[in-house]
Amino acid sequence: SISKNKRGKQAPFETRVEMCTLLIKNVPKVTVSEVERICFEKAAAGLNEEQKSKVRVGTADILAMLTTNEPNVEFTWALGADTFLDLASGKWRRTDEVFELVGHRMVVFKRLFEGTDLGKGKINDGKKYEQDHDKLLRESAEKWSKLDEDGNPTIRIVSIPSLTDASSSTVRKTSDEIKLQELLTDDVLSF
């Protein structure tokens, strides 16, 4: 597979940055941020190598740094539906803090299930899986959303018909070269 599983087994930061840079090089107005590295360097400043090896920088740390550095910016976090569901269900460390740091402002991108491998092996009926997934997504958004000054929910779910099943989880889990060729650019594959 292209990289290992999560929890300290990912490809090194520099490798992930390079792969992301290659992946989006032809996407206008999109850049790769190294804010994770900057946050780590701040957290590890003054520590010896053994102590640095134990420093973990997570989403809450990065958001805290960004909101501290830019106190007049109202950040909105864009993330995929599966990631949002993991966050909303409390699978992340500091879940409440992550929501608070972005003022509960999120755009959740929902991929369409039709024609994808999502749900296969979990439930034989792909349509039922999609309905259950959508219901859970709506309920989670309602639970965590606040109302903005205009009375609108702060968490928006956006369906993107052209969004494929190319997720980082899918890429990490497969060693099928044909599937990887469908999901990634040639530049990333040859990296």
Protein backbone atom coordinates (compact mmCIF):
# COMPACT_ATOMS: atom_id res chain seq x y z
CA SER A 1 0.00 0.00 0.00
CA ILE A 2 1.03 3.60 -0.43
CA SER A 3 1.49 4.29 3.28
CA LYS A 4 0.87 2.49 6.52
CA ASN A 5 -2.11 2.71 8.85
CA LYS A 6 -2.77 5.60 11.21
CA ARG A 7 -1.55 6.15 14.76
CA GLY A 8 2.14 6.75 14.26
CA LYS A 9 2.46 4.40 11.32
CA GLN A 10 1.82 7.00 8.62
CA ALA A 11 4.41 7.93 6.10
CA PRO A 12 6.77 10.63 7.43
CA PHE A 13 5.46 14.20 7.35
CA GLU A 14 7.80 15.29 4.53
CA THR A 15 6.62 12.36 2.39
CA ARG A 16 2.96 13.18 2.99
CA VAL A 17 3.56 16.84 2.08
CA GLU A 18 5.32 15.85 -1.13
CA MET A 19 2.54 13.42 -2.12
CA CYS A 20 -0.13 16.05 -1.42
CA THR A 21 1.82 18.63 -3.42
CA LEU A 22 2.03 16.25 -6.37
CA LEU A 23 -1.66 15.36 -6.05
CA ILE A 24 -2.94 18.95 -6.18
CA LYS A 25 -0.32 20.57 -8.40
CA ASN A 26 -2.89 21.22 -11.16
CA VAL A 27 -5.71 22.31 -8.86
CA PRO A 28 -6.12 26.10 -8.98
CA LYS A 29 -6.12 28.08 -5.72
CA VAL A 30 -5.21 25.04 -3.61
CA THR A 31 -1.97 24.82 -1.66
CA VAL A 32 -0.46 22.38 0.79
CA SER A 33 0.05 23.79 4.26
CA GLU A 34 2.86 22.81 6.56
CA VAL A 35 1.03 24.07 9.64
CA GLU A 36 1.35 20.61 11.22
CA ARG A 37 5.17 20.92 11.10
CA ILE A 38 5.08 24.44 12.52
CA CYS A 39 2.81 23.30 15.35
CA PHE A 40 5.11 20.37 16.12
CA GLU A 41 8.19 22.60 16.14
CA LYS A 42 6.51 24.94 18.64
CA ALA A 43 5.45 22.02 20.86
CA ALA A 44 8.90 20.42 20.70
CA ALA A 45 10.95 23.58 21.20
CA GLY A 46 13.57 23.11 23.91
CA LEU A 47 13.00 19.36 24.26
CA ASN A 48 15.68 16.72 23.87
CA GLU A 49 15.36 14.08 21.12
CA GLU A 50 13.77 11.48 23.39
CA GLN A 51 11.15 13.98 24.56
CA LYS A 52 10.52 15.14 20.98
CA SER A 53 9.84 11.56 19.91
CA LYS A 54 6.89 11.50 22.32
CA VAL A 55 5.32 14.77 21.14
CA ARG A 56 2.04 14.22 19.27
CA VAL A 57 0.36 17.02 17.39
CA GLY A 58 -3.32 16.53 16.67
CA THR A 59 -6.11 18.46 15.05
CA ALA A 60 -7.00 20.30 18.27
CA ASP A 61 -3.37 21.46 18.65
CA ILE A 62 -3.27 22.75 15.09
CA LEU A 63 -6.63 24.51 15.39
CA ALA A 64 -5.58 26.06 18.71
CA MET A 65 -2.42 27.42 17.09
CA LEU A 66 -4.32 28.77 14.08
CA THR A 67 -7.01 30.47 16.16
CA THR A 68 -4.38 31.96 18.48
CA ASN A 69 -2.31 33.25 15.56
CA GLU A 70 -5.38 34.61 13.73
CA PRO A 71 -7.83 35.72 16.45
CA ASN A 72 -9.96 37.77 14.03
CA VAL A 73 -10.52 34.90 11.60
CA GLU A 74 -13.61 32.73 11.88
CA PHE A 75 -12.31 29.39 10.65
CA THR A 76 -14.59 26.88 8.96
CA TRP A 77 -13.31 23.33 8.79
CA ALA A 78 -13.95 21.33 5.61
CA LEU A 79 -13.87 17.56 6.03
CA GLY A 80 -15.28 14.36 4.62
CA ALA A 81 -18.40 12.70 5.98
CA ASP A 82 -16.62 9.64 7.41
CA THR A 83 -14.08 11.82 9.20
CA PHE A 84 -16.90 13.98 10.55
CA LEU A 85 -18.76 10.91 11.83
CA ASP A 86 -15.62 9.67 13.61
CA LEU A 87 -15.17 13.09 15.21
CA ALA A 88 -18.86 13.47 16.13
CA SER A 89 -18.95 10.01 17.72
CA GLY A 90 -16.06 10.90 20.04
CA LYS A 91 -13.41 8.70 18.42
CA TRP A 92 -10.99 11.63 18.40
CA ARG A 93 -9.03 12.99 21.33
CA ARG A 94 -10.39 16.36 22.42
CA THR A 95 -13.54 16.13 20.29
CA ASP A 96 -15.37 18.90 22.16
CA GLU A 97 -12.39 21.21 21.84
CA VAL A 98 -12.13 20.65 18.08
CA PHE A 99 -15.76 21.71 17.63
CA GLU A 100 -15.28 24.73 19.93
CA LEU A 101 -12.09 25.89 18.21
CA VAL A 102 -13.90 26.29 14.88
CA GLY A 103 -17.05 27.64 16.50
CA HIS A 104 -18.84 24.48 15.31
CA ARG A 105 -18.43 25.85 11.75
CA MET A 106 -17.91 22.93 9.40
CA VAL A 107 -18.61 21.96 5.81
CA VAL A 108 -19.00 18.21 5.54
CA PHE A 109 -18.49 16.75 2.06
CA LYS A 110 -20.63 13.70 1.44
CA ARG A 111 -19.62 11.35 -1.32
CA LEU A 112 -22.30 9.59 -3.28
CA PHE A 113 -22.37 5.82 -2.81
CA GLU A 114 -23.66 4.88 -6.25
CA GLY A 115 -21.06 3.00 -8.22
CA THR A 116 -18.52 2.91 -5.40
CA ASP A 117 -17.16 0.13 -3.22
CA LEU A 118 -18.30 1.90 -0.05
CA GLY A 119 -20.40 -0.28 2.18
CA LYS A 120 -19.60 -3.54 0.40
CA GLY A 121 -18.97 -6.28 2.87
CA LYS A 122 -20.68 -4.29 5.63
CA ILE A 123 -24.25 -4.56 4.41
CA ASN A 124 -25.35 -6.38 1.27
CA ASP A 125 -27.91 -3.73 0.44
CA GLY A 126 -25.87 -0.69 -0.64
CA LYS A 127 -28.98 1.54 -0.75
CA LYS A 128 -29.82 0.71 2.88
CA TYR A 129 -26.21 1.40 3.87
CA GLU A 130 -26.41 4.78 2.15
CA GLN A 131 -29.70 5.62 3.88
CA ASP A 132 -28.35 4.61 7.29
CA HIS A 133 -25.16 6.59 6.65
CA ASP A 134 -27.15 9.69 5.61
CA LYS A 135 -29.39 9.43 8.67
CA LEU A 136 -26.41 9.14 11.00
CA LEU A 137 -24.74 12.07 9.25
CA ARG A 138 -27.83 14.29 9.63
CA GLU A 139 -28.30 13.31 13.29
CA SER A 140 -24.65 13.97 14.10
CA ALA A 141 -24.72 17.35 12.36
CA GLU A 142 -27.88 18.31 14.26
CA LYS A 143 -26.32 17.25 17.57
CA TRP A 144 -23.13 19.29 17.13
CA SER A 145 -24.36 22.25 15.09
CA LYS A 146 -25.06 25.66 16.59
CA LEU A 147 -27.05 28.45 14.98
CA ASP A 148 -25.17 31.35 13.41
CA GLU A 149 -26.25 34.98 13.73
CA ASP A 150 -28.74 34.47 10.88
CA GLY A 151 -30.26 31.39 12.50
CA ASN A 152 -28.61 28.91 10.12
CA PRO A 153 -26.89 25.72 11.30
CA THR A 154 -23.11 26.06 11.53
CA ILE A 155 -22.53 22.58 10.17
CA ARG A 156 -23.45 22.16 6.51
CA ILE A 157 -23.56 18.87 4.63
CA VAL A 158 -22.71 19.18 0.95
CA SER A 159 -23.21 16.38 -1.58
CA ILE A 160 -20.68 16.33 -4.38
CA PRO A 161 -21.75 14.06 -7.28
CA SER A 162 -18.22 13.97 -8.72
CA LEU A 163 -16.58 13.05 -5.39
CA THR A 164 -15.19 9.55 -5.79
CA ASP A 165 -14.45 6.91 -3.18
CA ALA A 166 -10.81 8.08 -3.15
CA SER A 167 -10.29 8.43 0.57
CA SER A 168 -7.04 8.23 2.49
CA SER A 169 -8.38 5.13 4.24
CA THR A 170 -9.08 3.43 0.92
CA VAL A 171 -5.62 4.27 -0.38
CA ARG A 172 -3.85 3.12 2.80
CA LYS A 173 -5.72 -0.19 2.90
CA THR A 174 -5.23 -1.32 -0.68
CA SER A 175 -2.27 -2.88 -2.39
CA ASP A 176 -4.28 -3.32 -5.60
CA GLU A 177 -2.29 -1.41 -8.23
CA ILE A 178 -5.31 -1.05 -10.52
CA LYS A 179 -7.38 0.50 -7.73
CA LEU A 180 -4.50 2.84 -6.83
CA GLN A 181 -4.24 3.94 -10.47
CA GLU A 182 -7.93 4.86 -10.35
CA LEU A 183 -7.57 6.82 -7.11
CA LEU A 184 -4.23 8.63 -7.48
CA THR A 185 -2.37 10.68 -10.05
CA ASP A 186 0.58 9.21 -11.93
CA ASP A 187 2.92 11.61 -10.09
CA VAL A 188 1.84 10.29 -6.70
CA LEU A 189 2.02 6.67 -7.84
CA SER A 190 5.56 7.07 -9.19
CA PHE A 191 6.65 8.85 -5.99
